[in-house]
C-alpha cells in the first residue's frame, strides 16, 4: 500500500501551466518531470529527498521518456515543435529535432533506435495531427504520417 512520507520542493512556476509527464531513470532512481510552466525538465532524487537540478530551454516541455537500455532522456517540447534527446546527466548536451505540430506522446524502440512521436496538432490547422518517426543516431525525422485525430500517447510493443 502507498504511504505518504513527505514533500519535495520544486522550482516555482514562472509561466502558465504546471507539470506534465514524468519518467524514472532506473539506475539512479531519479525522476525526470516535465515542468511545462518553466520550459524545463526538473530532476528529483527521492532517496536524497529533493530536487537536484533542472534542464532548461525545453519550451513547453510536455512529455518525458527515459530509456535505461540506451541511457537517453527524450522530451516532447510542445512550445517549439521539437523533441529533445540527451543523456540522463547534469548539464547535458540537448539535441533538438523538429517534428510535427505540438508533440506530446513518446515511444522508443532501443533495438532500432527509433522514437515515435505523437503530435497533437491544432484543430484549426488541417492535417496537423501527425505521427513522426525519428532516428536517434542521425537526429532526423525519417517519416511522418497524418492521422485522423489527436495522437496524445505513444506506446512501443517489442512483440509487434
N, C-alpha and C. Protein backbone atom coordinates (compact mmCIF):
# COMPACT_ATOMS: atom_id res chain seq x y z
N UNK A 1 0.84 -1.17 0.00
CA UNK A 1 0.00 0.00 0.00
C UNK A 1 0.89 1.25 0.00
N UNK A 2 0.50 2.24 -0.79
CA UNK A 2 1.23 3.50 -0.82
C UNK A 2 1.04 4.26 0.47
N UNK A 3 2.09 4.93 0.87
CA UNK A 3 2.03 5.71 2.10
C UNK A 3 2.74 7.03 1.85
N UNK A 4 2.09 8.13 2.21
CA UNK A 4 2.70 9.45 2.06
C UNK A 4 3.81 9.60 3.10
N UNK A 5 5.03 9.95 2.62
CA UNK A 5 6.15 10.08 3.55
C UNK A 5 6.75 11.48 3.58
N UNK A 6 6.29 12.37 2.68
CA UNK A 6 6.83 13.72 2.71
C UNK A 6 6.60 14.48 1.43
N UNK A 7 7.21 15.65 1.37
CA UNK A 7 7.10 16.54 0.22
C UNK A 7 8.49 16.86 -0.31
N UNK A 8 8.55 17.16 -1.59
CA UNK A 8 9.80 17.61 -2.21
C UNK A 8 9.50 18.94 -2.88
N UNK A 9 10.24 19.96 -2.51
CA UNK A 9 10.06 21.28 -3.10
C UNK A 9 10.63 21.33 -4.50
N UNK A 10 9.89 21.95 -5.40
CA UNK A 10 10.32 22.11 -6.79
C UNK A 10 10.37 23.59 -7.13
N UNK A 11 11.08 23.94 -8.21
CA UNK A 11 11.11 25.36 -8.60
C UNK A 11 9.70 25.89 -8.84
N UNK A 12 9.48 27.16 -8.47
CA UNK A 12 8.17 27.79 -8.66
C UNK A 12 7.89 27.96 -10.14
N UNK A 13 6.61 27.92 -10.49
CA UNK A 13 6.20 28.16 -11.87
C UNK A 13 6.53 29.61 -12.26
N UNK A 14 7.14 29.78 -13.43
CA UNK A 14 7.42 31.13 -13.92
C UNK A 14 6.46 31.52 -15.04
N UNK A 15 5.72 30.56 -15.58
CA UNK A 15 4.76 30.82 -16.64
C UNK A 15 3.46 30.11 -16.34
N UNK A 16 2.58 30.13 -17.34
CA UNK A 16 1.28 29.47 -17.20
C UNK A 16 1.46 27.96 -17.28
N UNK A 17 0.55 27.24 -16.66
CA UNK A 17 0.60 25.78 -16.70
C UNK A 17 1.20 25.21 -15.43
N UNK A 18 1.68 24.01 -15.53
CA UNK A 18 2.23 23.33 -14.37
C UNK A 18 3.21 22.26 -14.79
N UNK A 19 2.92 21.02 -14.39
CA UNK A 19 3.76 19.87 -14.69
C UNK A 19 3.03 18.95 -15.65
N UNK A 20 3.77 18.07 -16.30
CA UNK A 20 3.15 17.12 -17.22
C UNK A 20 3.78 15.76 -16.96
N UNK A 21 4.14 15.03 -17.99
CA UNK A 21 4.63 13.66 -17.86
C UNK A 21 5.92 13.58 -17.04
N UNK A 22 6.18 12.38 -16.54
CA UNK A 22 7.41 12.11 -15.80
C UNK A 22 7.87 10.69 -16.09
N UNK A 23 9.15 10.43 -15.88
CA UNK A 23 9.70 9.09 -16.09
C UNK A 23 10.87 8.89 -15.11
N UNK A 24 11.12 7.63 -14.78
CA UNK A 24 12.17 7.28 -13.81
C UNK A 24 13.37 6.68 -14.53
N UNK A 25 14.56 7.13 -14.14
CA UNK A 25 15.81 6.54 -14.60
C UNK A 25 16.15 5.44 -13.59
N UNK A 26 16.03 4.20 -14.01
CA UNK A 26 16.13 3.06 -13.09
C UNK A 26 17.47 2.97 -12.38
N UNK A 27 18.56 3.22 -13.09
CA UNK A 27 19.89 3.05 -12.49
C UNK A 27 20.11 3.99 -11.31
N UNK A 28 19.64 5.24 -11.44
CA UNK A 28 19.87 6.22 -10.36
C UNK A 28 18.64 6.41 -9.47
N UNK A 29 17.46 6.01 -9.97
CA UNK A 29 16.23 6.26 -9.24
C UNK A 29 15.72 7.68 -9.37
N UNK A 30 16.42 8.49 -10.17
CA UNK A 30 16.00 9.87 -10.36
C UNK A 30 14.73 9.94 -11.20
N UNK A 31 13.90 10.94 -10.91
CA UNK A 31 12.66 11.15 -11.64
C UNK A 31 12.81 12.41 -12.47
N UNK A 32 12.55 12.29 -13.77
CA UNK A 32 12.60 13.40 -14.71
C UNK A 32 11.16 13.86 -14.96
N UNK A 33 10.85 15.12 -14.61
CA UNK A 33 9.48 15.64 -14.67
C UNK A 33 9.42 16.82 -15.63
N UNK A 34 8.50 16.75 -16.60
CA UNK A 34 8.29 17.88 -17.50
C UNK A 34 7.65 19.02 -16.70
N UNK A 35 8.35 20.12 -16.60
CA UNK A 35 7.85 21.31 -15.91
C UNK A 35 7.47 22.32 -16.99
N UNK A 36 6.27 22.12 -17.53
CA UNK A 36 5.79 22.90 -18.67
C UNK A 36 5.83 24.40 -18.39
N UNK A 37 5.43 24.80 -17.20
CA UNK A 37 5.37 26.22 -16.84
C UNK A 37 6.75 26.88 -16.85
N UNK A 38 7.81 26.09 -16.72
CA UNK A 38 9.17 26.63 -16.67
C UNK A 38 9.99 26.29 -17.91
N UNK A 39 9.37 25.66 -18.91
CA UNK A 39 10.10 25.27 -20.12
C UNK A 39 11.35 24.47 -19.75
N UNK A 40 11.14 23.48 -18.87
CA UNK A 40 12.28 22.73 -18.33
C UNK A 40 11.86 21.32 -17.95
N UNK A 41 12.85 20.51 -17.66
CA UNK A 41 12.65 19.22 -17.02
C UNK A 41 13.33 19.31 -15.67
N UNK A 42 12.58 19.04 -14.61
CA UNK A 42 13.14 19.03 -13.26
C UNK A 42 13.53 17.60 -12.91
N UNK A 43 14.67 17.45 -12.26
CA UNK A 43 15.15 16.14 -11.87
C UNK A 43 15.11 16.04 -10.35
N UNK A 44 14.44 14.99 -9.89
CA UNK A 44 14.21 14.76 -8.46
C UNK A 44 14.95 13.49 -8.05
N UNK A 45 15.58 13.53 -6.90
CA UNK A 45 16.20 12.34 -6.32
C UNK A 45 15.42 11.99 -5.05
N UNK A 46 14.50 11.01 -5.15
CA UNK A 46 13.69 10.66 -3.98
C UNK A 46 14.52 10.17 -2.80
N UNK A 47 15.62 9.46 -3.07
CA UNK A 47 16.45 8.95 -1.97
C UNK A 47 17.08 10.10 -1.18
N UNK A 48 17.47 11.16 -1.89
CA UNK A 48 18.05 12.32 -1.22
C UNK A 48 16.96 13.26 -0.71
N UNK A 49 15.74 13.05 -1.18
CA UNK A 49 14.62 13.85 -0.71
C UNK A 49 14.53 15.24 -1.32
N UNK A 50 15.02 15.40 -2.56
CA UNK A 50 14.94 16.74 -3.11
C UNK A 50 15.13 16.86 -4.60
N UNK A 51 14.89 18.08 -5.06
CA UNK A 51 15.13 18.48 -6.44
C UNK A 51 16.64 18.68 -6.57
N UNK A 52 17.26 18.08 -7.59
CA UNK A 52 18.72 18.19 -7.69
C UNK A 52 19.20 19.10 -8.82
N UNK A 53 18.44 19.19 -9.92
CA UNK A 53 18.76 20.14 -10.97
C UNK A 53 17.62 20.21 -11.97
N UNK A 54 17.69 21.21 -12.86
CA UNK A 54 16.72 21.36 -13.94
C UNK A 54 17.47 21.44 -15.25
N UNK A 55 16.81 20.99 -16.31
CA UNK A 55 17.35 21.10 -17.66
C UNK A 55 16.49 22.16 -18.35
N UNK A 56 17.06 23.34 -18.62
CA UNK A 56 16.27 24.45 -19.15
C UNK A 56 16.14 24.42 -20.68
N UNK A 57 15.45 25.43 -21.19
CA UNK A 57 15.34 25.68 -22.64
C UNK A 57 14.64 24.56 -23.40
N UNK A 58 13.62 23.97 -22.77
CA UNK A 58 12.79 22.97 -23.43
C UNK A 58 11.37 23.55 -23.48
N UNK A 59 11.15 24.48 -24.41
CA UNK A 59 9.93 25.29 -24.44
C UNK A 59 8.67 24.43 -24.53
N UNK A 60 7.84 24.57 -23.51
CA UNK A 60 6.58 23.83 -23.46
C UNK A 60 6.78 22.35 -23.20
N UNK A 61 7.83 21.97 -22.47
CA UNK A 61 8.11 20.55 -22.19
C UNK A 61 6.84 19.86 -21.71
N UNK A 62 6.49 18.76 -22.39
CA UNK A 62 5.24 18.06 -22.07
C UNK A 62 5.49 16.60 -21.74
N UNK A 63 6.22 15.92 -22.59
CA UNK A 63 6.47 14.50 -22.38
C UNK A 63 7.91 14.25 -21.98
N UNK A 64 8.11 13.19 -21.20
CA UNK A 64 9.46 12.75 -20.84
C UNK A 64 9.47 11.23 -20.92
N UNK A 65 10.47 10.71 -21.61
CA UNK A 65 10.67 9.27 -21.70
C UNK A 65 12.13 9.00 -21.34
N UNK A 66 12.38 8.02 -20.48
CA UNK A 66 13.74 7.62 -20.13
C UNK A 66 13.98 6.22 -20.66
N UNK A 67 15.04 6.05 -21.43
CA UNK A 67 15.44 4.72 -21.90
C UNK A 67 16.64 4.26 -21.08
N UNK A 68 16.41 3.26 -20.25
CA UNK A 68 17.52 2.71 -19.47
C UNK A 68 18.46 1.92 -20.36
N UNK A 69 17.93 1.28 -21.42
CA UNK A 69 18.77 0.50 -22.33
C UNK A 69 19.79 1.38 -23.05
N UNK A 70 19.36 2.56 -23.49
CA UNK A 70 20.22 3.45 -24.27
C UNK A 70 20.79 4.61 -23.46
N UNK A 71 20.41 4.71 -22.19
CA UNK A 71 20.83 5.83 -21.35
C UNK A 71 20.53 7.17 -22.02
N UNK A 72 19.25 7.32 -22.40
CA UNK A 72 18.78 8.54 -23.03
C UNK A 72 17.54 9.06 -22.33
N UNK A 73 17.37 10.37 -22.37
CA UNK A 73 16.13 11.01 -21.98
C UNK A 73 15.61 11.69 -23.24
N UNK A 74 14.31 11.55 -23.49
CA UNK A 74 13.69 12.15 -24.66
C UNK A 74 12.53 13.00 -24.15
N UNK A 75 12.44 14.23 -24.63
CA UNK A 75 11.36 15.12 -24.23
C UNK A 75 10.57 15.56 -25.45
N UNK A 76 9.27 15.79 -25.25
CA UNK A 76 8.48 16.44 -26.30
C UNK A 76 8.26 17.88 -25.86
N UNK A 77 8.61 18.80 -26.73
CA UNK A 77 8.60 20.22 -26.40
C UNK A 77 7.53 20.92 -27.25
N UNK A 78 6.30 20.94 -26.73
CA UNK A 78 5.15 21.45 -27.49
C UNK A 78 5.31 22.90 -27.90
N UNK A 79 5.98 23.70 -27.10
CA UNK A 79 6.10 25.12 -27.39
C UNK A 79 7.04 25.46 -28.52
N UNK A 80 7.83 24.48 -28.98
CA UNK A 80 8.76 24.75 -30.08
C UNK A 80 8.71 23.67 -31.16
N UNK A 81 7.76 22.73 -31.04
CA UNK A 81 7.59 21.67 -32.04
C UNK A 81 8.87 20.87 -32.27
N UNK A 82 9.51 20.50 -31.16
CA UNK A 82 10.73 19.69 -31.22
C UNK A 82 10.65 18.57 -30.20
N UNK A 83 11.56 17.62 -30.36
CA UNK A 83 11.86 16.70 -29.27
C UNK A 83 13.30 16.97 -28.86
N UNK A 84 13.61 16.72 -27.60
CA UNK A 84 14.97 16.83 -27.10
C UNK A 84 15.50 15.45 -26.80
N UNK A 85 16.77 15.22 -27.13
CA UNK A 85 17.42 13.94 -26.88
C UNK A 85 18.71 14.23 -26.13
N UNK A 86 18.88 13.60 -24.95
CA UNK A 86 20.08 13.86 -24.15
C UNK A 86 20.32 12.73 -23.17
N UNK A 87 21.48 12.74 -22.55
CA UNK A 87 21.82 11.73 -21.55
C UNK A 87 21.24 12.14 -20.20
N UNK A 88 20.98 11.17 -19.33
CA UNK A 88 20.42 11.49 -18.01
C UNK A 88 21.51 11.98 -17.05
N UNK A 89 22.02 13.18 -17.32
CA UNK A 89 23.11 13.73 -16.51
C UNK A 89 22.89 15.22 -16.31
N UNK A 90 23.63 15.76 -15.38
CA UNK A 90 23.57 17.21 -15.12
C UNK A 90 24.21 17.94 -16.31
N UNK A 91 23.59 19.05 -16.73
CA UNK A 91 24.07 19.87 -17.85
C UNK A 91 24.31 19.07 -19.13
N UNK A 92 23.31 18.32 -19.58
CA UNK A 92 23.52 17.52 -20.80
C UNK A 92 23.53 18.40 -22.05
N UNK A 93 24.11 17.87 -23.11
CA UNK A 93 24.06 18.49 -24.42
C UNK A 93 22.75 18.02 -25.06
N UNK A 94 21.77 18.91 -25.16
CA UNK A 94 20.44 18.55 -25.67
C UNK A 94 20.42 18.73 -27.19
N UNK A 95 20.17 17.64 -27.90
CA UNK A 95 19.96 17.70 -29.35
C UNK A 95 18.47 17.86 -29.59
N UNK A 96 18.09 18.90 -30.32
CA UNK A 96 16.67 19.13 -30.62
C UNK A 96 16.39 18.77 -32.07
N UNK A 97 15.29 18.05 -32.26
CA UNK A 97 14.88 17.61 -33.59
C UNK A 97 13.48 18.18 -33.86
N UNK A 98 13.32 18.99 -34.92
CA UNK A 98 11.99 19.48 -35.28
C UNK A 98 11.09 18.33 -35.71
N UNK A 99 9.86 18.31 -35.18
CA UNK A 99 8.88 17.28 -35.52
C UNK A 99 7.57 17.98 -35.88
N UNK A 100 6.45 17.27 -35.80
CA UNK A 100 5.15 17.84 -36.13
C UNK A 100 4.69 18.87 -35.12
N UNK A 101 3.47 19.34 -35.32
CA UNK A 101 2.90 20.41 -34.51
C UNK A 101 2.47 19.90 -33.13
N UNK A 102 3.02 20.51 -32.09
CA UNK A 102 2.70 20.25 -30.68
C UNK A 102 2.94 18.78 -30.28
N UNK A 103 4.20 18.33 -30.31
CA UNK A 103 4.49 16.95 -29.90
C UNK A 103 4.12 16.70 -28.45
N UNK A 104 3.71 15.46 -28.18
CA UNK A 104 3.27 15.11 -26.83
C UNK A 104 3.77 13.72 -26.46
N UNK A 105 3.10 12.67 -26.94
CA UNK A 105 3.43 11.31 -26.55
C UNK A 105 4.69 10.80 -27.22
N UNK A 106 5.43 9.96 -26.49
CA UNK A 106 6.70 9.42 -26.97
C UNK A 106 6.77 7.92 -26.73
N UNK A 107 7.33 7.20 -27.69
CA UNK A 107 7.64 5.78 -27.51
C UNK A 107 9.00 5.55 -28.15
N UNK A 108 9.76 4.57 -27.62
CA UNK A 108 11.14 4.37 -28.09
C UNK A 108 11.42 2.89 -28.27
N UNK A 109 12.03 2.56 -29.41
CA UNK A 109 12.50 1.21 -29.70
C UNK A 109 14.02 1.23 -29.56
N UNK A 110 14.57 0.71 -28.45
CA UNK A 110 16.01 0.78 -28.23
C UNK A 110 16.82 -0.09 -29.20
N UNK A 111 16.24 -1.16 -29.71
CA UNK A 111 16.97 -2.02 -30.65
C UNK A 111 17.18 -1.31 -31.99
N UNK A 112 16.15 -0.65 -32.48
CA UNK A 112 16.24 0.06 -33.76
C UNK A 112 16.63 1.52 -33.59
N UNK A 113 16.64 1.99 -32.34
CA UNK A 113 16.98 3.38 -32.00
C UNK A 113 16.07 4.35 -32.75
N UNK A 114 14.74 4.07 -32.62
CA UNK A 114 13.71 4.90 -33.25
C UNK A 114 12.76 5.45 -32.20
N UNK A 115 12.36 6.70 -32.38
CA UNK A 115 11.42 7.36 -31.49
C UNK A 115 10.14 7.63 -32.28
N UNK A 116 9.00 7.22 -31.71
CA UNK A 116 7.71 7.56 -32.27
C UNK A 116 7.16 8.73 -31.47
N UNK A 117 6.75 9.78 -32.18
CA UNK A 117 6.25 10.99 -31.53
C UNK A 117 4.80 11.20 -31.94
N UNK A 118 3.91 11.31 -30.95
CA UNK A 118 2.52 11.66 -31.20
C UNK A 118 2.36 13.16 -31.14
N UNK A 119 2.06 13.78 -32.28
CA UNK A 119 1.90 15.24 -32.36
C UNK A 119 0.41 15.57 -32.31
N UNK A 120 -0.01 16.30 -31.27
CA UNK A 120 -1.44 16.57 -31.09
C UNK A 120 -1.98 17.57 -32.11
N UNK A 121 -1.13 18.34 -32.74
CA UNK A 121 -1.55 19.27 -33.77
C UNK A 121 -2.43 20.39 -33.25
N UNK A 122 -3.19 20.98 -34.16
CA UNK A 122 -4.08 22.09 -33.85
C UNK A 122 -5.34 21.90 -34.69
N UNK A 123 -6.51 21.88 -34.05
CA UNK A 123 -7.76 21.65 -34.79
C UNK A 123 -7.99 22.70 -35.88
N UNK A 124 -7.40 23.87 -35.74
CA UNK A 124 -7.55 24.92 -36.74
C UNK A 124 -6.60 24.73 -37.93
N UNK A 125 -5.69 23.77 -37.84
CA UNK A 125 -4.73 23.53 -38.92
C UNK A 125 -4.99 22.15 -39.50
N UNK A 126 -5.65 22.08 -40.66
CA UNK A 126 -5.94 20.78 -41.27
C UNK A 126 -4.67 19.96 -41.51
N UNK A 127 -4.75 18.65 -41.20
CA UNK A 127 -3.62 17.75 -41.42
C UNK A 127 -2.51 17.86 -40.40
N UNK A 128 -2.74 18.58 -39.30
CA UNK A 128 -1.66 18.78 -38.32
C UNK A 128 -1.59 17.69 -37.25
N UNK A 129 -2.56 16.77 -37.23
CA UNK A 129 -2.49 15.64 -36.31
C UNK A 129 -1.62 14.59 -36.98
N UNK A 130 -0.41 14.39 -36.47
CA UNK A 130 0.54 13.51 -37.14
C UNK A 130 1.30 12.63 -36.16
N UNK A 131 1.98 11.65 -36.72
CA UNK A 131 2.97 10.84 -36.02
C UNK A 131 4.29 11.05 -36.73
N UNK A 132 5.35 11.26 -35.98
CA UNK A 132 6.70 11.40 -36.55
C UNK A 132 7.56 10.24 -36.07
N UNK A 133 8.39 9.71 -36.96
CA UNK A 133 9.37 8.68 -36.62
C UNK A 133 10.74 9.32 -36.73
N UNK A 134 11.48 9.31 -35.62
CA UNK A 134 12.77 9.98 -35.55
C UNK A 134 13.88 8.96 -35.31
N UNK A 135 14.96 9.07 -36.08
CA UNK A 135 16.15 8.25 -35.87
C UNK A 135 17.04 8.89 -34.83
N UNK A 136 17.38 8.15 -33.79
CA UNK A 136 18.21 8.70 -32.72
C UNK A 136 19.62 9.03 -33.21
N UNK A 137 20.20 8.15 -33.99
CA UNK A 137 21.60 8.34 -34.37
C UNK A 137 21.84 9.52 -35.31
N UNK A 138 20.92 9.72 -36.27
CA UNK A 138 21.12 10.85 -37.19
C UNK A 138 20.30 12.07 -36.82
N UNK A 139 19.46 11.94 -35.77
CA UNK A 139 18.69 13.08 -35.25
C UNK A 139 17.83 13.73 -36.34
N UNK A 140 17.15 12.90 -37.13
CA UNK A 140 16.28 13.42 -38.18
C UNK A 140 14.94 12.68 -38.18
N UNK A 141 13.93 13.35 -38.75
CA UNK A 141 12.63 12.72 -38.94
C UNK A 141 12.75 11.82 -40.17
N UNK A 142 12.49 10.54 -39.97
CA UNK A 142 12.58 9.56 -41.04
C UNK A 142 11.27 9.44 -41.80
N UNK A 143 10.16 9.68 -41.12
CA UNK A 143 8.84 9.60 -41.74
C UNK A 143 7.84 10.36 -40.87
N UNK A 144 6.78 10.83 -41.52
CA UNK A 144 5.69 11.46 -40.79
C UNK A 144 4.39 11.13 -41.52
N UNK A 145 3.38 10.74 -40.76
CA UNK A 145 2.09 10.45 -41.36
C UNK A 145 1.00 11.26 -40.66
N UNK A 146 -0.04 11.58 -41.41
CA UNK A 146 -1.20 12.26 -40.86
C UNK A 146 -2.13 11.20 -40.28
N UNK A 147 -2.73 11.51 -39.14
CA UNK A 147 -3.70 10.62 -38.51
C UNK A 147 -5.01 11.38 -38.34
N UNK A 148 -6.13 10.67 -38.17
CA UNK A 148 -7.44 11.33 -38.18
C UNK A 148 -7.78 12.17 -36.94
N UNK A 149 -7.02 12.07 -35.88
CA UNK A 149 -7.33 12.84 -34.68
C UNK A 149 -6.09 13.04 -33.82
N UNK A 150 -6.29 13.65 -32.65
CA UNK A 150 -5.17 13.93 -31.74
C UNK A 150 -4.48 12.65 -31.30
N UNK A 151 -3.20 12.60 -31.49
CA UNK A 151 -2.39 11.44 -31.09
C UNK A 151 -1.60 11.80 -29.84
N UNK A 152 -2.26 11.76 -28.71
CA UNK A 152 -1.65 12.21 -27.46
C UNK A 152 -0.66 11.24 -26.87
N UNK A 153 -0.82 9.94 -27.12
CA UNK A 153 0.00 8.94 -26.47
C UNK A 153 0.69 8.07 -27.51
N UNK A 154 1.78 7.46 -27.12
CA UNK A 154 2.50 6.53 -27.99
C UNK A 154 3.02 5.40 -27.10
N UNK A 155 2.98 4.17 -27.63
CA UNK A 155 3.43 3.00 -26.87
C UNK A 155 4.28 2.14 -27.78
N UNK A 156 5.37 1.61 -27.27
CA UNK A 156 6.20 0.67 -28.02
C UNK A 156 5.94 -0.73 -27.48
N UNK A 157 5.67 -1.65 -28.39
CA UNK A 157 5.47 -3.06 -28.04
C UNK A 157 6.52 -3.88 -28.77
N UNK A 158 7.50 -4.42 -28.06
CA UNK A 158 8.59 -5.17 -28.74
C UNK A 158 8.11 -6.46 -29.38
N UNK A 159 6.90 -6.90 -29.08
CA UNK A 159 6.39 -8.14 -29.66
C UNK A 159 5.82 -7.94 -31.06
N UNK A 160 5.57 -6.71 -31.45
CA UNK A 160 4.95 -6.44 -32.76
C UNK A 160 6.00 -6.16 -33.79
